[in-house]
């Protein structure tokens, strides 16, 4: 089982690319990953196998269930396949970058079966709340 762990600070380059940390890349077998809108102001990142497993869960729910349809639309409409280049960088799609309010400083957070990309300021505020709980 693959586990994405840790917290890493990075910066976007001028082309909106971010380098994935080595420990995150070590959990990814292919060059292609899926980025999707998170449920918080962040971007979810999945390796191909984890994304297929997550997608299958949602595709098993009946299309007649309104909440299930809405969740499918949210997940699949806000997802894109991206490639990891030879230097370990990924290009953040404009709509996902905008959704997560990512400016220049990025925090890559391991979240078990996926990783997350956060704007540094947003992550600082969010994680401060986590520590209080």
Protein backbone atom coordinates (compact mmCIF):
# COMPACT_ATOMS: atom_id res chain seq x y z
CA UNK A 1 0.00 0.00 0.00
CA UNK A 2 1.30 3.42 -0.94
CA UNK A 3 1.28 6.14 1.67
CA UNK A 4 1.89 9.80 1.00
CA UNK A 5 3.43 11.30 4.14
CA UNK A 6 5.08 14.51 5.28
CA UNK A 7 4.88 18.26 4.73
CA UNK A 8 7.15 20.05 2.28
CA UNK A 9 7.53 23.69 1.29
CA UNK A 10 8.08 24.55 -2.38
CA UNK A 11 7.54 27.45 -4.77
CA UNK A 12 5.86 27.72 -8.15
CA UNK A 13 8.11 28.66 -11.02
CA UNK A 14 7.15 31.25 -13.64
CA UNK A 15 5.20 28.64 -15.62
CA UNK A 16 3.05 27.54 -12.64
CA UNK A 17 5.04 24.34 -12.14
CA UNK A 18 5.92 22.89 -8.77
CA UNK A 19 8.51 20.24 -8.03
CA UNK A 20 7.06 17.29 -6.16
CA UNK A 21 9.19 16.26 -3.19
CA UNK A 22 11.28 13.14 -3.68
CA UNK A 23 9.41 11.25 -0.93
CA UNK A 24 6.12 11.96 -2.70
CA UNK A 25 7.52 10.96 -6.12
CA UNK A 26 8.83 7.69 -4.68
CA UNK A 27 5.22 6.61 -4.08
CA UNK A 28 4.26 7.22 -7.73
CA UNK A 29 5.05 4.52 -10.30
CA UNK A 30 3.93 6.29 -13.47
CA UNK A 31 4.66 9.70 -14.95
CA UNK A 32 0.96 10.55 -15.07
CA UNK A 33 -1.00 11.61 -12.00
CA UNK A 34 -4.46 13.05 -11.43
CA UNK A 35 -5.00 16.43 -9.80
CA UNK A 36 -8.47 17.25 -8.50
CA UNK A 37 -10.28 19.88 -6.44
CA UNK A 38 -10.02 19.11 -2.76
CA UNK A 39 -12.84 19.58 -0.28
CA UNK A 40 -10.85 22.35 1.39
CA UNK A 41 -9.07 25.09 -0.58
CA UNK A 42 -6.42 22.69 -1.88
CA UNK A 43 -5.61 20.41 -4.78
CA UNK A 44 -5.70 16.64 -4.31
CA UNK A 45 -3.00 14.63 -6.07
CA UNK A 46 -3.43 10.92 -6.79
CA UNK A 47 -1.22 8.35 -8.43
CA UNK A 48 -3.10 6.49 -11.16
CA UNK A 49 -3.95 3.42 -9.05
CA UNK A 50 -5.24 5.43 -6.10
CA UNK A 51 -7.34 7.63 -8.39
CA UNK A 52 -8.89 4.60 -10.08
CA UNK A 53 -9.71 3.12 -6.66
CA UNK A 54 -11.26 6.43 -5.50
CA UNK A 55 -13.19 6.85 -8.77
CA UNK A 56 -14.53 3.28 -8.55
CA UNK A 57 -16.00 4.01 -5.10
CA UNK A 58 -17.99 6.92 -6.49
CA UNK A 59 -19.04 5.12 -9.64
CA UNK A 60 -20.56 2.32 -7.54
CA UNK A 61 -23.10 4.70 -6.02
CA UNK A 62 -26.43 4.80 -7.86
CA UNK A 63 -26.88 7.60 -10.36
CA UNK A 64 -30.39 8.02 -8.96
CA UNK A 65 -28.92 9.34 -5.68
CA UNK A 66 -28.73 13.14 -5.96
CA UNK A 67 -25.89 13.54 -3.43
CA UNK A 68 -23.87 10.87 -5.23
CA UNK A 69 -24.40 12.62 -8.59
CA UNK A 70 -23.33 15.94 -7.13
CA UNK A 71 -20.18 14.43 -5.60
CA UNK A 72 -19.31 12.73 -8.90
CA UNK A 73 -19.69 16.00 -10.76
CA UNK A 74 -17.57 17.82 -8.22
CA UNK A 75 -14.77 15.24 -8.34
CA UNK A 76 -14.65 14.40 -12.02
CA UNK A 77 -15.32 17.87 -13.46
CA UNK A 78 -12.56 19.30 -11.29
CA UNK A 79 -9.95 16.65 -12.14
CA UNK A 80 -7.17 16.63 -14.72
CA UNK A 81 -4.39 14.26 -15.70
CA UNK A 82 -0.93 15.83 -15.60
CA UNK A 83 2.54 14.49 -16.26
CA UNK A 84 5.56 14.59 -14.02
CA UNK A 85 8.49 15.84 -16.07
CA UNK A 86 12.07 14.54 -15.87
CA UNK A 87 12.87 17.05 -13.12
CA UNK A 88 9.92 15.95 -10.98
CA UNK A 89 7.77 18.99 -11.77
CA UNK A 90 4.07 19.16 -12.50
CA UNK A 91 2.14 21.97 -14.15
CA UNK A 92 -0.76 23.20 -12.04
CA UNK A 93 -3.82 23.69 -14.25
CA UNK A 94 -5.06 27.29 -14.04
CA UNK A 95 -8.54 26.47 -12.71
CA UNK A 96 -7.15 24.24 -9.94
CA UNK A 97 -4.53 26.80 -9.01
CA UNK A 98 -7.25 29.45 -8.83
CA UNK A 99 -9.58 27.17 -6.84
CA UNK A 100 -6.88 26.52 -4.22
CA UNK A 101 -5.81 30.21 -4.18
CA UNK A 102 -2.23 29.13 -4.80
CA UNK A 103 0.06 32.07 -5.42
CA UNK A 104 3.82 31.48 -5.25
CA UNK A 105 4.59 29.50 -2.09
CA UNK A 106 3.18 25.95 -2.06
CA UNK A 107 3.03 23.34 0.68
CA UNK A 108 2.82 19.69 -0.39
CA UNK A 109 1.11 17.65 2.31
CA UNK A 110 0.97 13.87 2.51
CA UNK A 111 -2.59 12.73 3.25
CA UNK A 112 -2.32 8.94 3.19
CA UNK A 113 -3.77 7.68 -0.09
CA UNK A 114 -3.16 11.04 -1.81
CA UNK A 115 -1.17 14.23 -1.39
CA UNK A 116 -2.43 17.78 -1.26
CA UNK A 117 -1.14 21.07 -2.64
CA UNK A 118 -1.91 24.14 -0.53
CA UNK A 119 -1.08 27.81 -0.71
CA UNK A 120 1.43 28.38 2.10
CA UNK A 121 -0.67 31.01 3.88
CA UNK A 122 -3.86 28.95 3.61
CA UNK A 123 -2.05 25.86 4.95
CA UNK A 124 -0.58 27.82 7.89
CA UNK A 125 -4.04 29.04 8.89
CA UNK A 126 -5.66 25.63 8.41
CA UNK A 127 -2.95 23.64 10.20
CA UNK A 128 -3.00 26.05 13.16
CA UNK A 129 -6.64 25.09 13.66
CA UNK A 130 -5.73 21.40 13.47
CA UNK A 131 -3.16 21.74 16.25
CA UNK A 132 -5.69 23.39 18.57
CA UNK A 133 -8.19 20.56 18.25
